[in-house]
Amino acid sequence: MSETTLMSLTSLLGASLDDLPDVPAFVTWPDGAYRCSVSLDLKEINDQPVAEAVYTLKEVLELANSGDTPPLPGATNNEAFFLNKEIGQGKLKEFLLPFASHFGEPNVQALIDLIKNIEIDVVNKARKDKEDKTRRYFTSIAIEVV
C-alpha cells in the first residue's frame, strides 16, 4: 500500500460518519435532448464483456416532459452494451454509426479508442428494467457529433 493510500485510509478511519459521503443515487436523466461529452470504454459487468458509454452533461437542450427536473451540468449517466449478446452488439453498432461517419473510421476497436470526451448532442429515451419497473436506464436513440 502506498504512503498516499495509507494516509487517505487513516483519514477515512479517523473521520466521523457525518464526514463520509452518502451513496450516490442511481438517477437516469429524464427523456430529452442533451449536449454532453461521451467516452467509450471496455469493461466487465457481472463477468460479462461490456462497452460502456459514459455521458457527462454540458447542457440540457430540451426535455420531453417540461415538468421533469433537469439534471445539472456535470451530471453523468452511462449506457452499457453487452458484447456477448446479439442485441447488445446491434445497439453498439447503432451507437457507433455517427462516430464512424464523423471520423471516417469503420473499425470497432479504432472507434472505441477515438471516443474519449467527444462532444455530442444525444436524445435519450430511458428504458425500464425488466424486473424492477421503477428503475430506468439511459438509452440513446439519436446521436450527433458536434
Protein backbone atom coordinates (compact mmCIF):
# COMPACT_ATOMS: atom_id res chain seq x y z
CA MET A 1 0.00 0.00 0.00
CA SER A 2 1.43 3.39 -0.96
CA GLU A 3 2.01 6.11 1.62
CA THR A 4 -0.67 8.29 -0.02
CA THR A 5 -3.22 5.46 0.12
CA LEU A 6 -2.33 4.73 3.72
CA MET A 7 -2.74 8.42 4.66
CA SER A 8 -6.12 8.51 2.90
CA LEU A 9 -7.18 5.33 4.68
CA THR A 10 -6.00 6.74 8.01
CA SER A 11 -8.00 9.94 7.39
CA LEU A 12 -11.06 7.91 6.43
CA LEU A 13 -10.87 5.72 9.52
CA GLY A 14 -10.44 8.78 11.71
CA ALA A 15 -13.46 10.54 10.20
CA SER A 16 -16.91 10.88 11.69
CA LEU A 17 -19.78 9.15 9.90
CA ASP A 18 -21.15 12.63 9.17
CA ASP A 19 -17.96 13.34 7.17
CA LEU A 20 -18.48 10.37 4.83
CA PRO A 21 -20.47 10.92 1.64
CA ASP A 22 -23.82 9.22 1.11
CA VAL A 23 -24.10 6.56 -1.56
CA PRO A 24 -24.78 8.37 -4.84
CA ALA A 25 -28.32 7.88 -6.10
CA PHE A 26 -28.88 5.90 -9.28
CA VAL A 27 -30.57 8.59 -11.36
CA THR A 28 -31.25 8.40 -15.07
CA TRP A 29 -31.69 11.71 -16.85
CA PRO A 30 -35.26 12.43 -17.92
CA ASP A 31 -36.12 11.73 -21.55
CA GLY A 32 -34.89 14.58 -23.69
CA ALA A 33 -32.06 16.07 -25.72
CA TYR A 34 -28.69 16.89 -24.19
CA ARG A 35 -25.31 18.30 -25.15
CA CYS A 36 -22.62 16.32 -23.41
CA SER A 37 -19.24 14.71 -23.75
CA VAL A 38 -19.03 10.95 -24.12
CA SER A 39 -16.29 8.38 -23.64
CA LEU A 40 -16.46 4.69 -24.52
CA ASP A 41 -14.50 2.01 -22.69
CA LEU A 42 -14.48 -1.76 -22.39
CA LYS A 43 -15.16 -3.36 -19.00
CA GLU A 44 -16.94 -6.27 -17.36
CA ILE A 45 -20.28 -6.24 -15.56
CA ASN A 46 -21.15 -9.45 -13.72
CA ASP A 47 -18.39 -11.29 -15.64
CA GLN A 48 -19.86 -10.20 -18.97
CA PRO A 49 -17.94 -8.11 -21.55
CA VAL A 50 -19.41 -4.64 -21.96
CA ALA A 51 -18.72 -1.49 -23.93
CA GLU A 52 -19.76 1.34 -21.61
CA ALA A 53 -20.54 4.84 -22.81
CA VAL A 54 -20.22 7.46 -20.06
CA TYR A 55 -22.01 10.74 -20.74
CA THR A 56 -21.12 13.97 -18.90
CA LEU A 57 -23.74 16.69 -19.18
CA LYS A 58 -22.81 20.10 -20.53
CA GLU A 59 -26.28 21.47 -21.28
CA VAL A 60 -29.92 20.40 -21.36
CA LEU A 61 -31.22 21.17 -24.85
CA GLU A 62 -34.84 20.05 -24.37
CA LEU A 63 -36.82 17.85 -22.01
CA ALA A 64 -39.53 15.60 -23.42
CA ASN A 65 -41.69 16.50 -20.42
CA SER A 66 -41.28 20.13 -19.37
CA GLY A 67 -42.33 19.20 -15.83
CA ASP A 68 -39.27 16.97 -15.32
CA THR A 69 -36.41 18.24 -13.19
CA PRO A 70 -33.41 18.84 -15.46
CA PRO A 71 -30.07 17.36 -14.44
CA LEU A 72 -27.29 19.80 -13.61
CA PRO A 73 -24.19 20.33 -15.76
CA GLY A 74 -21.50 17.84 -14.78
CA ALA A 75 -24.04 15.09 -14.05
CA THR A 76 -23.12 11.73 -15.54
CA ASN A 77 -25.03 8.80 -16.97
CA ASN A 78 -23.92 5.62 -18.60
CA GLU A 79 -25.14 3.19 -21.23
CA ALA A 80 -23.92 -0.42 -21.33
CA PHE A 81 -23.72 -2.55 -24.46
CA PHE A 82 -23.37 -6.25 -23.55
CA LEU A 83 -20.99 -7.64 -26.16
CA ASN A 84 -21.88 -11.30 -25.60
CA LYS A 85 -25.49 -10.69 -26.69
CA GLU A 86 -26.74 -10.06 -30.20
CA ILE A 87 -28.96 -7.16 -29.12
CA GLY A 88 -26.02 -5.56 -27.28
CA GLN A 89 -23.87 -5.83 -30.40
CA GLY A 90 -26.65 -4.32 -32.51
CA LYS A 91 -27.15 -1.44 -30.06
CA LEU A 92 -23.38 -0.84 -30.02
CA LYS A 93 -23.44 -0.66 -33.82
CA GLU A 94 -26.26 1.93 -33.69
CA PHE A 95 -24.27 3.92 -31.11
CA LEU A 96 -21.05 3.78 -33.19
CA LEU A 97 -22.52 4.73 -36.59
CA PRO A 98 -22.50 8.54 -36.06
CA PHE A 99 -18.87 8.35 -34.86
CA ALA A 100 -17.87 6.13 -37.80
CA SER A 101 -19.35 8.71 -40.16
CA HIS A 102 -17.72 11.63 -38.33
CA PHE A 103 -14.25 10.07 -38.12
CA GLY A 104 -14.40 8.13 -41.40
CA GLU A 105 -13.47 5.00 -39.44
CA PRO A 106 -15.35 1.67 -39.71
CA ASN A 107 -13.22 -0.37 -37.28
CA VAL A 108 -14.87 -1.03 -33.90
CA GLN A 109 -11.65 -1.04 -31.84
CA ALA A 110 -10.43 2.14 -33.53
CA LEU A 111 -13.75 3.84 -32.73
CA ILE A 112 -13.57 2.72 -29.09
CA ASP A 113 -10.09 4.26 -28.95
CA LEU A 114 -11.32 7.50 -30.58
CA ILE A 115 -14.42 8.05 -28.44
CA LYS A 116 -12.85 9.84 -25.48
CA ASN A 117 -14.51 13.07 -24.28
CA ILE A 118 -16.18 13.69 -27.63
CA GLU A 119 -18.82 16.45 -27.62
CA ILE A 120 -22.20 15.25 -28.86
CA ASP A 121 -25.88 16.02 -28.87
CA VAL A 122 -27.83 12.97 -27.71
CA VAL A 123 -31.52 12.18 -27.46
CA ASN A 124 -32.33 9.86 -24.56
CA LYS A 125 -35.43 7.71 -24.07
CA ALA A 126 -34.92 5.67 -20.92
CA ARG A 127 -35.93 2.02 -20.87
CA LYS A 128 -37.39 0.29 -17.82
CA ASP A 129 -35.74 -2.62 -16.06
CA LYS A 130 -37.42 -5.97 -16.87
CA GLU A 131 -37.77 -6.91 -13.20
CA ASP A 132 -37.87 -3.57 -11.37
CA LYS A 133 -40.17 -1.28 -13.37
CA THR A 134 -39.23 1.70 -11.18
CA ARG A 135 -35.61 1.50 -12.37
CA ARG A 136 -34.83 3.23 -15.67
CA TYR A 137 -31.72 3.02 -17.85
CA PHE A 138 -30.28 5.72 -20.11
CA THR A 139 -30.82 4.71 -23.75
CA SER A 140 -29.54 6.86 -26.61
CA ILE A 141 -31.87 6.94 -29.61
CA ALA A 142 -30.09 9.61 -31.66
CA ILE A 143 -26.53 10.97 -31.56
CA GLU A 144 -24.91 13.79 -33.47
CA VAL A 145 -21.21 14.53 -33.10
CA VAL A 146 -20.84 18.28 -32.57
